[in-house]
Amino acid sequence: MNQTYNVQNTPPAPGERRHQQTAGTVFTPGTSHTGLQGTPGGLLRSTLISLGAALLLLVAVVLPAEYNIDPLGVGAFLGLTEMGGIKAQLSEEAAADAAALANAPSPEVLARLAAIEAQLNGMTALLRAGARQAVPPQAPETAAPETATPEAATPGTAAPAAPAAAPPAQTAEPAWRDEVRFVLTPGEGIELKLVMNEGAVAEFEWSANGSVLNFDTHGDGGGQSVRYEQGRSVPGQSDELIAAFTGKHGWFFRNRTDQDVTLTLRVRGDYIELIRTA
């Protein structure tokens, strides 16, 4: 049973400090006096606002940074799409390496194949040596020298035509505009890009200098991204790069060997500058 007390008329206990209350204020035991009341509508509104904020963060930040997906273009503005592209490349390389290790033959099988190949090479060499001994050498035929008889020029006949002029010498290709060299330790990666306008063409040539590298040729800019080509364990490449849109276009290289690899990149053509982005 609820009881009502009028604290206005209740004298304070000895040593008790009481805040001044408005005259006639009545408190009822068992009720809340905080002034905040939770209603179903308020809880629903708070829940919807929280879900909306979480969804916005997912689309604007998490997807570009983790999966290279940027539907709003915010990730490109904040530089998160490059991070997402690198993470996606690393994930693909890790999956490819795991599949290659799973499908690789055992060392015993490789040793047997090497022994069989050596035996086949030895047998081929013996067969070639036997064939050369079986066929006697033939004396070369000597042809009688032909004597050129000068033809006398008769009246009314044209003189022999003069030899044709040599074709003009081909002009040398222009020198490389930029040439860079980097040493990549095992597992290390590097990203080099050209700042280009849409439709611009640049020639390139890169080499692992006797080793191999994994590469991913791609581009990004203005909220757009494109992947041109990928390769694994490639010793080098020479080709043209045509910008699909205005932005940064280039290569991500990674050393997946167990030794240092020296990368050399040469470029020339229609581009603004060569930069290192990672």
Protein backbone atom coordinates (compact mmCIF):
# COMPACT_ATOMS: atom_id res chain seq x y z
CA MET A 1 0.00 0.00 0.00
CA ASN A 2 1.54 3.34 -1.12
CA GLN A 3 1.83 6.16 1.41
CA THR A 4 2.21 9.85 0.67
CA TYR A 5 4.60 12.04 2.64
CA ASN A 6 4.80 15.79 2.62
CA VAL A 7 8.51 16.54 3.05
CA GLN A 8 7.77 20.25 3.29
CA ASN A 9 6.46 19.86 6.82
CA THR A 10 8.80 17.11 8.06
CA PRO A 11 11.53 18.51 10.34
CA PRO A 12 15.11 17.47 9.45
CA ALA A 13 16.93 15.04 11.68
CA PRO A 14 19.95 16.29 13.69
CA GLY A 15 22.98 16.73 11.33
CA GLU A 16 20.86 16.20 8.20
CA ARG A 17 21.17 18.64 5.30
CA ARG A 18 18.13 18.97 3.10
CA HIS A 19 17.91 20.78 -0.23
CA GLN A 20 15.19 23.34 -0.44
CA GLN A 21 12.13 21.91 -2.11
CA THR A 22 9.32 23.68 -3.79
CA ALA A 23 6.40 24.20 -1.50
CA GLY A 24 3.91 21.41 -1.69
CA THR A 25 6.29 18.92 -3.34
CA VAL A 26 5.00 15.44 -2.77
CA PHE A 27 7.05 12.23 -3.15
CA THR A 28 5.49 8.85 -3.49
CA PRO A 29 7.52 5.78 -2.45
CA GLY A 30 8.26 3.30 -5.29
CA THR A 31 8.33 5.90 -8.08
CA SER A 32 11.26 7.41 -10.05
CA HIS A 33 12.09 11.07 -9.69
CA THR A 34 14.92 11.40 -12.24
CA GLY A 35 12.72 13.18 -14.78
CA LEU A 36 13.73 10.73 -17.58
CA GLN A 37 11.22 8.17 -18.67
CA GLY A 38 11.97 5.43 -21.25
CA THR A 39 9.20 4.96 -23.79
CA PRO A 40 8.95 2.32 -26.52
CA GLY A 41 9.14 5.04 -29.19
CA GLY A 42 12.32 6.54 -27.73
CA LEU A 43 14.03 3.16 -27.50
CA LEU A 44 13.10 2.35 -31.08
CA ARG A 45 14.41 5.73 -32.29
CA SER A 46 17.72 5.26 -30.44
CA THR A 47 18.11 1.77 -31.89
CA LEU A 48 17.48 3.00 -35.45
CA ILE A 49 19.98 5.85 -35.05
CA SER A 50 22.65 3.42 -33.79
CA LEU A 51 22.01 1.03 -36.66
CA GLY A 52 22.22 3.87 -39.18
CA ALA A 53 25.54 5.11 -37.77
CA ALA A 54 26.97 1.58 -37.81
CA LEU A 55 25.83 1.05 -41.41
CA LEU A 56 27.38 4.37 -42.48
CA LEU A 57 30.72 3.43 -40.91
CA LEU A 58 30.57 0.02 -42.59
CA VAL A 59 30.00 1.47 -46.07
CA ALA A 60 32.26 4.52 -45.77
CA VAL A 61 35.22 3.09 -43.82
CA VAL A 62 35.24 -0.69 -43.33
CA LEU A 63 34.42 -1.79 -46.89
CA PRO A 64 37.04 0.48 -48.60
CA ALA A 65 39.78 -0.30 -46.04
CA GLU A 66 39.23 -4.06 -45.83
CA TYR A 67 37.74 -5.16 -49.18
CA ASN A 68 38.58 -2.27 -51.61
CA ILE A 69 34.86 -1.60 -52.10
CA ASP A 70 34.01 2.11 -52.14
CA PRO A 71 30.38 2.78 -53.19
CA LEU A 72 30.30 6.30 -51.70
CA GLY A 73 33.77 7.47 -52.81
CA VAL A 74 34.71 8.38 -49.24
CA GLY A 75 37.39 5.69 -49.11
CA ALA A 76 39.24 7.15 -52.10
CA PHE A 77 39.09 10.62 -50.54
CA LEU A 78 40.51 9.31 -47.26
CA GLY A 79 43.07 7.05 -48.96
CA LEU A 80 41.47 3.85 -47.68
CA THR A 81 40.96 2.16 -51.06
CA GLU A 82 44.71 1.72 -51.57
CA MET A 83 44.90 0.00 -48.20
CA GLY A 84 42.00 -2.26 -49.15
CA GLY A 85 43.62 -3.10 -52.50
CA ILE A 86 46.87 -4.08 -50.83
CA LYS A 87 45.03 -6.25 -48.29
CA ALA A 88 43.04 -7.94 -51.06
CA GLN A 89 46.26 -8.58 -53.01
CA LEU A 90 47.93 -10.06 -49.96
CA SER A 91 44.93 -12.32 -49.33
CA GLU A 92 44.97 -13.56 -52.94
CA GLU A 93 48.71 -14.18 -52.83
CA ALA A 94 48.43 -16.07 -49.56
CA ALA A 95 45.62 -18.24 -50.95
CA ALA A 96 47.60 -18.89 -54.16
CA ASP A 97 50.72 -19.81 -52.19
CA ALA A 98 48.73 -22.20 -50.02
CA ALA A 99 47.22 -23.85 -53.11
CA ALA A 100 50.66 -24.12 -54.74
CA LEU A 101 52.13 -25.77 -51.66
CA ALA A 102 49.20 -28.19 -51.45
CA ASN A 103 49.60 -29.22 -55.10
CA ALA A 104 53.41 -29.29 -55.16
CA PRO A 105 54.96 -32.75 -55.64
CA SER A 106 57.04 -34.27 -52.88
CA PRO A 107 60.87 -34.01 -52.93
CA GLU A 108 61.15 -37.74 -53.67
CA VAL A 109 59.03 -37.39 -56.81
CA LEU A 110 61.10 -34.42 -57.96
CA ALA A 111 64.34 -36.36 -57.45
CA ARG A 112 63.01 -39.28 -59.49
CA LEU A 113 61.89 -37.01 -62.30
CA ALA A 114 65.33 -35.35 -62.37
CA ALA A 115 67.04 -38.74 -62.57
CA ILE A 116 64.76 -39.87 -65.43
CA GLU A 117 65.40 -36.61 -67.31
CA ALA A 118 69.17 -37.08 -66.93
CA GLN A 119 68.94 -40.64 -68.29
CA LEU A 120 66.89 -39.48 -71.27
CA ASN A 121 69.39 -36.73 -72.05
CA GLY A 122 72.25 -39.27 -71.94
CA MET A 123 70.44 -41.66 -74.28
CA THR A 124 69.67 -38.83 -76.70
CA ALA A 125 73.32 -37.81 -76.79
CA LEU A 126 74.43 -41.42 -77.51
CA LEU A 127 71.92 -41.78 -80.33
CA ARG A 128 73.07 -38.56 -81.94
CA ALA A 129 76.73 -39.64 -81.73
CA GLY A 130 75.94 -43.02 -83.34
CA ALA A 131 74.01 -41.38 -86.15
CA ARG A 132 76.91 -39.09 -86.96
CA GLN A 133 79.36 -42.03 -87.17
CA ALA A 134 77.05 -44.07 -89.42
CA VAL A 135 76.74 -41.39 -92.11
CA PRO A 136 80.06 -40.87 -94.02
CA PRO A 137 80.95 -37.30 -94.74
CA GLN A 138 80.34 -36.23 -98.32
CA ALA A 139 82.76 -34.10 -100.26
CA PRO A 140 81.31 -30.73 -101.08
CA GLU A 141 80.44 -30.20 -104.71
CA THR A 142 82.45 -27.53 -106.44
CA ALA A 143 80.60 -25.53 -108.96
CA ALA A 144 82.40 -24.11 -111.98
CA PRO A 145 82.88 -20.41 -111.62
CA GLU A 146 80.63 -18.38 -113.79
CA THR A 147 82.30 -15.73 -115.86
CA ALA A 148 80.28 -12.65 -116.33
CA THR A 149 80.34 -11.43 -119.91
CA PRO A 150 79.87 -7.77 -120.20
CA GLU A 151 77.00 -6.84 -122.44
CA ALA A 152 77.79 -4.21 -124.97
CA ALA A 153 75.41 -1.33 -125.01
CA THR A 154 73.65 -1.16 -128.33
CA PRO A 155 72.02 1.92 -129.71
CA GLY A 156 68.46 2.32 -128.51
CA THR A 157 68.93 0.22 -125.41
CA ALA A 158 68.78 1.73 -121.97
CA ALA A 159 71.78 1.65 -119.70
CA PRO A 160 71.71 -0.73 -116.72
CA ALA A 161 69.70 0.64 -113.81
CA ALA A 162 71.65 2.03 -110.91
CA PRO A 163 71.45 0.08 -107.64
CA ALA A 164 68.56 1.06 -105.41
CA ALA A 165 69.33 3.53 -102.67
CA ALA A 166 69.65 2.12 -99.17
CA PRO A 167 66.59 2.65 -96.96
CA PRO A 168 66.89 5.50 -94.48
CA ALA A 169 68.25 4.52 -91.10
CA GLN A 170 65.61 4.02 -88.43
CA THR A 171 65.49 6.66 -85.74
CA ALA A 172 66.49 5.46 -82.30
CA GLU A 173 63.77 5.17 -79.67
CA PRO A 174 63.75 7.91 -77.06
CA ALA A 175 65.59 7.21 -73.86
CA TRP A 176 63.78 6.14 -70.74
CA ARG A 177 62.35 9.09 -68.85
CA ASP A 178 62.57 7.48 -65.40
CA GLU A 179 64.56 4.50 -64.15
CA VAL A 180 64.41 3.28 -60.53
CA ARG A 181 65.94 0.32 -58.73
CA PHE A 182 64.90 -1.27 -55.42
CA VAL A 183 66.10 -4.30 -53.46
CA LEU A 184 63.18 -6.32 -52.03
CA THR A 185 63.84 -8.67 -49.13
CA PRO A 186 61.87 -11.96 -48.87
CA GLY A 187 58.19 -11.14 -48.34
CA GLU A 188 58.66 -7.40 -48.96
CA GLY A 189 56.38 -5.50 -51.35
CA ILE A 190 56.47 -2.13 -53.09
CA GLU A 191 53.94 -0.11 -55.10
CA LEU A 192 55.03 2.24 -57.90
CA LYS A 193 52.52 4.29 -59.90
CA LEU A 194 52.34 6.80 -62.73
CA VAL A 195 50.11 9.87 -62.41
CA MET A 196 48.28 9.87 -65.75
CA ASN A 197 45.35 11.47 -67.50
CA GLU A 198 42.62 9.38 -69.10
CA GLY A 199 43.76 7.79 -72.36
CA ALA A 200 47.45 8.56 -71.81
CA VAL A 201 49.94 5.89 -72.95
CA ALA A 202 53.20 5.03 -71.17
CA GLU A 203 55.80 2.43 -72.13
CA PHE A 204 57.39 0.43 -69.35
CA GLU A 205 59.94 -2.28 -68.77
CA TRP A 206 60.68 -3.98 -65.47
CA SER A 207 63.03 -6.80 -64.56
CA ALA A 208 63.76 -8.95 -61.53
CA ASN A 209 67.42 -9.19 -62.66
CA GLY A 210 67.71 -12.95 -62.77
CA SER A 211 65.01 -13.73 -60.21
CA VAL A 212 61.18 -13.61 -60.19
CA LEU A 213 58.49 -11.37 -58.66
CA ASN A 214 54.74 -11.37 -58.19
CA PHE A 215 53.05 -8.29 -59.66
CA ASP A 216 49.62 -6.67 -59.90
CA THR A 217 49.06 -3.90 -62.46
CA HIS A 218 46.12 -1.71 -61.42
CA GLY A 219 44.89 1.87 -61.14
CA ASP A 220 42.71 4.06 -58.93
CA GLY A 221 41.50 7.64 -58.70
CA GLY A 222 38.33 9.68 -58.45
CA GLY A 223 36.48 6.86 -56.71
CA GLN A 224 37.30 4.41 -59.53
CA SER A 225 39.58 1.39 -59.59
CA VAL A 226 40.71 -1.05 -62.28
CA ARG A 227 42.94 -4.12 -62.45
CA TYR A 228 44.88 -4.58 -65.70
CA GLU A 229 46.99 -7.72 -65.14
CA GLN A 230 48.42 -10.07 -62.52
CA GLY A 231 51.39 -12.40 -62.57
CA ARG A 232 53.21 -14.84 -60.29
CA SER A 233 56.91 -15.72 -60.39
CA VAL A 234 57.55 -13.51 -63.44
CA PRO A 235 61.17 -12.57 -64.37
CA GLY A 236 60.19 -9.33 -66.14
CA GLN A 237 57.81 -7.58 -68.51
CA SER A 238 57.81 -4.96 -71.27
CA ASP A 239 54.55 -3.43 -72.53
CA GLU A 240 52.35 -0.31 -72.73
CA LEU A 241 50.08 1.01 -70.01
CA ILE A 242 46.95 2.91 -71.19
CA ALA A 243 45.18 4.86 -68.43
CA ALA A 244 41.51 3.89 -68.21
CA PHE A 245 40.74 7.10 -66.30
CA THR A 246 42.57 10.04 -64.74
CA GLY A 247 44.41 8.89 -61.62
CA LYS A 248 47.35 6.77 -60.50
CA HIS A 249 48.20 3.65 -62.51
CA GLY A 250 51.05 1.25 -61.90
CA TRP A 251 52.34 -1.89 -60.25
CA PHE A 252 52.48 -3.63 -56.90
CA PHE A 253 55.48 -5.97 -56.68
CA ARG A 254 56.16 -8.57 -53.98
CA ASN A 255 59.15 -10.86 -53.44
CA ARG A 256 57.88 -14.35 -52.61
CA THR A 257 61.30 -16.00 -52.88
CA ASP A 258 63.66 -16.76 -50.00
CA GLN A 259 66.39 -14.37 -51.26
CA ASP A 260 66.73 -10.65 -51.94
CA VAL A 261 65.51 -9.57 -55.39
CA THR A 262 66.60 -6.41 -57.21
CA LEU A 263 63.74 -4.73 -59.10
CA THR A 264 64.51 -2.37 -61.99
CA LEU A 265 61.68 -0.31 -63.54
CA ARG A 266 62.03 1.94 -66.61
CA VAL A 267 59.19 4.12 -67.96
CA ARG A 268 58.65 6.73 -70.65
CA GLY A 269 55.70 8.28 -72.43
CA ASP A 270 52.72 10.45 -71.55
CA TYR A 271 52.56 10.68 -67.76
CA ILE A 272 52.96 13.43 -65.17
CA GLU A 273 55.28 11.78 -62.65
CA LEU A 274 56.39 8.44 -61.19
CA ILE A 275 55.66 8.06 -57.46
CA ARG A 276 56.01 5.42 -54.79
CA THR A 277 52.74 4.89 -52.93
CA ALA A 278 53.62 1.95 -50.69
